[in-house]
Amino acid sequence: MAGDYAQQQGDSQAQVTPVRAEVERVLVEAERLERHAHRRVCFWSYIDVTLGFPAAVLAGISGATGLAAPDARVPAALLALVAAGFSAGAGFIRSDVRRAVNRRSRLAWAEVEAEARLLLAQETQLDREAVQEALRNLFDSRTRAIATHTGDGSGGTST
């Protein structure tokens, strides 16, 4: 009897160790990809403002210049062209869309990270079937996060 119990504990310990190692690997991956997504959100926010704000200011200045005096048409036209260039660049790069995709990616990886931390915290209280179910849920969340990150699941673009 005592040998059976020791063998069960050994089997249980053998099951826990690879599960814990895999959950920790997923946790590290989720933390890393969440940080990368956060940096991309910040970058695309900066690009959006860098292109959008000057376009709006230059468009306003060119309109005011054009209306101020008939002789100011050439400078107004040049300012309007520069504003149009900024606006076209912002539309071409689609930084607002890229920022939104990376926000979704960041949130998805944060969900994976939270699930992994919860599984690590509850691992010792769960039976084998519950650990397997939690692990399946964790991998499903990871798959959704990967799809969000690559744009497959959200209709976004790869960034």
Protein backbone atom coordinates (compact mmCIF):
# COMPACT_ATOMS: atom_id res chain seq x y z
CA MET A 1 0.00 0.00 0.00
CA ALA A 2 2.68 2.47 0.98
CA GLY A 3 4.55 1.73 -2.25
CA ASP A 4 1.43 2.44 -4.31
CA TYR A 5 0.94 5.78 -2.58
CA ALA A 6 4.60 6.70 -3.14
CA GLN A 7 4.28 5.67 -6.79
CA GLN A 8 1.11 7.80 -7.16
CA GLN A 9 2.89 10.74 -5.58
CA GLY A 10 5.85 10.17 -7.87
CA ASP A 11 3.53 10.02 -10.90
CA SER A 12 1.73 13.11 -9.67
CA GLN A 13 5.04 14.92 -9.19
CA ALA A 14 6.19 13.81 -12.66
CA GLN A 15 2.96 15.20 -14.13
CA VAL A 16 3.26 18.52 -12.28
CA THR A 17 6.83 19.27 -13.25
CA PRO A 18 6.37 19.25 -17.06
CA VAL A 19 3.04 21.09 -16.72
CA ARG A 20 4.62 23.75 -14.52
CA ALA A 21 7.56 24.09 -16.89
CA GLU A 22 5.22 24.51 -19.88
CA VAL A 23 3.02 27.04 -18.09
CA GLU A 24 6.09 29.02 -17.05
CA ARG A 25 7.33 28.95 -20.66
CA VAL A 26 3.96 30.28 -21.87
CA LEU A 27 4.03 32.91 -19.11
CA VAL A 28 7.45 34.18 -20.17
CA GLU A 29 6.34 34.25 -23.81
CA ALA A 30 3.16 36.15 -22.92
CA GLU A 31 5.06 38.71 -20.84
CA ARG A 32 7.58 39.28 -23.64
CA LEU A 33 4.98 39.62 -26.40
CA GLU A 34 2.79 41.86 -24.25
CA ARG A 35 5.77 44.22 -23.75
CA HIS A 36 6.48 44.20 -27.50
CA ALA A 37 2.84 44.95 -28.30
CA HIS A 38 2.88 47.80 -25.77
CA ARG A 39 5.97 49.30 -27.40
CA ARG A 40 4.31 49.03 -30.82
CA VAL A 41 1.19 50.76 -29.49
CA CYS A 42 3.37 53.62 -28.22
CA PHE A 43 5.29 53.80 -31.51
CA TRP A 44 2.18 53.89 -33.71
CA SER A 45 0.54 56.46 -31.40
CA TYR A 46 3.61 58.65 -31.83
CA ILE A 47 3.57 58.22 -35.62
CA ASP A 48 -0.17 59.00 -35.75
CA VAL A 49 0.32 62.27 -33.86
CA THR A 50 3.53 63.13 -35.71
CA LEU A 51 1.81 62.94 -39.09
CA GLY A 52 -1.73 64.00 -38.16
CA PHE A 53 -1.10 67.09 -36.07
CA PRO A 54 1.17 68.91 -38.57
CA ALA A 55 -1.28 68.06 -41.37
CA ALA A 56 -4.12 69.69 -39.47
CA VAL A 57 -2.08 72.74 -38.48
CA LEU A 58 -0.67 73.27 -41.97
CA ALA A 59 -4.12 72.88 -43.55
CA GLY A 60 -5.49 75.54 -41.22
CA ILE A 61 -2.57 77.89 -41.85
CA SER A 62 -2.79 77.44 -45.61
CA GLY A 63 -6.53 78.19 -45.54
CA ALA A 64 -6.01 81.30 -43.46
CA THR A 65 -3.11 82.41 -45.66
CA GLY A 66 -5.11 81.88 -48.83
CA LEU A 67 -8.01 83.91 -47.49
CA ALA A 68 -5.82 86.68 -46.04
CA ALA A 69 -4.55 88.19 -49.27
CA PRO A 70 -4.65 87.43 -52.99
CA ASP A 71 -0.83 87.65 -53.17
CA ALA A 72 -0.48 84.84 -50.63
CA ARG A 73 -1.91 82.15 -52.90
CA VAL A 74 1.46 80.59 -53.72
CA PRO A 75 2.57 80.16 -50.08
CA ALA A 76 -0.94 78.92 -49.22
CA ALA A 77 -0.78 76.39 -52.04
CA LEU A 78 2.65 75.16 -50.88
CA LEU A 79 1.39 74.79 -47.32
CA ALA A 80 -1.67 72.95 -48.60
CA LEU A 81 0.57 70.57 -50.59
CA VAL A 82 2.72 69.85 -47.53
CA ALA A 83 -0.42 69.29 -45.43
CA ALA A 84 -1.77 66.95 -48.11
CA GLY A 85 1.55 65.06 -48.07
CA PHE A 86 1.34 64.55 -44.31
CA SER A 87 -2.28 63.50 -44.60
CA ALA A 88 -1.54 61.08 -47.45
CA GLY A 89 1.38 59.62 -45.50
CA ALA A 90 -0.83 59.07 -42.46
CA GLY A 91 -3.46 57.41 -44.64
CA PHE A 92 -0.90 55.21 -46.37
CA ILE A 93 0.79 54.05 -43.17
CA ARG A 94 -2.54 53.57 -41.34
CA SER A 95 -0.92 54.07 -37.96
CA ASP A 96 -4.33 54.31 -36.26
CA VAL A 97 -5.24 50.82 -37.50
CA ARG A 98 -1.84 49.42 -36.53
CA ARG A 99 -2.16 50.96 -33.07
CA ALA A 100 -5.60 49.34 -32.62
CA VAL A 101 -4.30 45.91 -33.77
CA ASN A 102 -1.41 46.11 -31.32
CA ARG A 103 -3.75 47.14 -28.50
CA ARG A 104 -5.81 44.02 -29.17
CA SER A 105 -2.62 41.98 -29.23
CA ARG A 106 -1.45 43.49 -25.95
CA LEU A 107 -4.78 42.70 -24.28
CA ALA A 108 -4.78 39.14 -25.65
CA TRP A 109 -1.27 38.47 -24.33
CA ALA A 110 -2.22 40.00 -20.97
CA GLU A 111 -5.09 37.50 -20.82
CA VAL A 112 -2.68 34.62 -21.54
CA GLU A 113 -0.33 35.92 -18.85
CA ALA A 114 -3.15 36.16 -16.29
CA GLU A 115 -4.38 32.63 -17.07
CA ALA A 116 -0.84 31.25 -16.73
CA ARG A 117 -0.32 32.99 -13.40
CA LEU A 118 -3.67 31.71 -12.14
CA LEU A 119 -2.85 28.16 -13.21
CA LEU A 120 0.53 28.33 -11.47
CA ALA A 121 -1.12 29.62 -8.29
CA GLN A 122 -3.84 26.95 -8.28
CA GLU A 123 -1.80 24.06 -9.64
CA THR A 124 -1.37 22.28 -6.32
CA GLN A 125 -5.09 22.46 -5.46
CA LEU A 126 -6.34 21.10 -8.79
CA ASP A 127 -6.74 17.46 -9.72
CA ARG A 128 -5.24 16.05 -12.90
CA GLU A 129 -8.33 16.61 -15.07
CA ALA A 130 -8.73 20.20 -13.87
CA VAL A 131 -5.06 20.92 -14.62
CA GLN A 132 -5.46 19.46 -18.11
CA GLU A 133 -8.58 21.55 -18.74
CA ALA A 134 -6.87 24.70 -17.48
CA LEU A 135 -3.87 23.93 -19.68
CA ARG A 136 -6.16 23.47 -22.71
CA ASN A 137 -7.80 26.82 -21.95
CA LEU A 138 -4.39 28.45 -21.63
CA PHE A 139 -3.30 27.10 -25.02
CA ASP A 140 -6.59 28.21 -26.58
CA SER A 141 -5.97 31.72 -25.24
CA ARG A 142 -2.42 31.58 -26.58
CA THR A 143 -3.72 30.55 -30.02
CA ARG A 144 -6.18 33.46 -30.00
CA ALA A 145 -3.40 35.84 -28.96
CA ILE A 146 -1.17 34.63 -31.78
CA ALA A 147 -4.03 35.07 -34.26
CA THR A 148 -4.64 38.60 -32.96
CA HIS A 149 -0.95 39.40 -33.13
CA THR A 150 -0.62 38.25 -36.73
CA GLY A 151 -3.94 39.73 -37.76
CA ASP A 152 -5.48 36.35 -38.68
CA GLY A 153 -8.25 36.46 -36.08
CA SER A 154 -9.13 40.13 -36.16
CA GLY A 155 -9.02 41.11 -39.80
CA GLY A 156 -6.14 43.47 -39.04
CA THR A 157 -2.79 43.73 -40.67
CA SER A 158 0.45 42.18 -39.60
CA THR A 159 2.66 44.72 -37.86
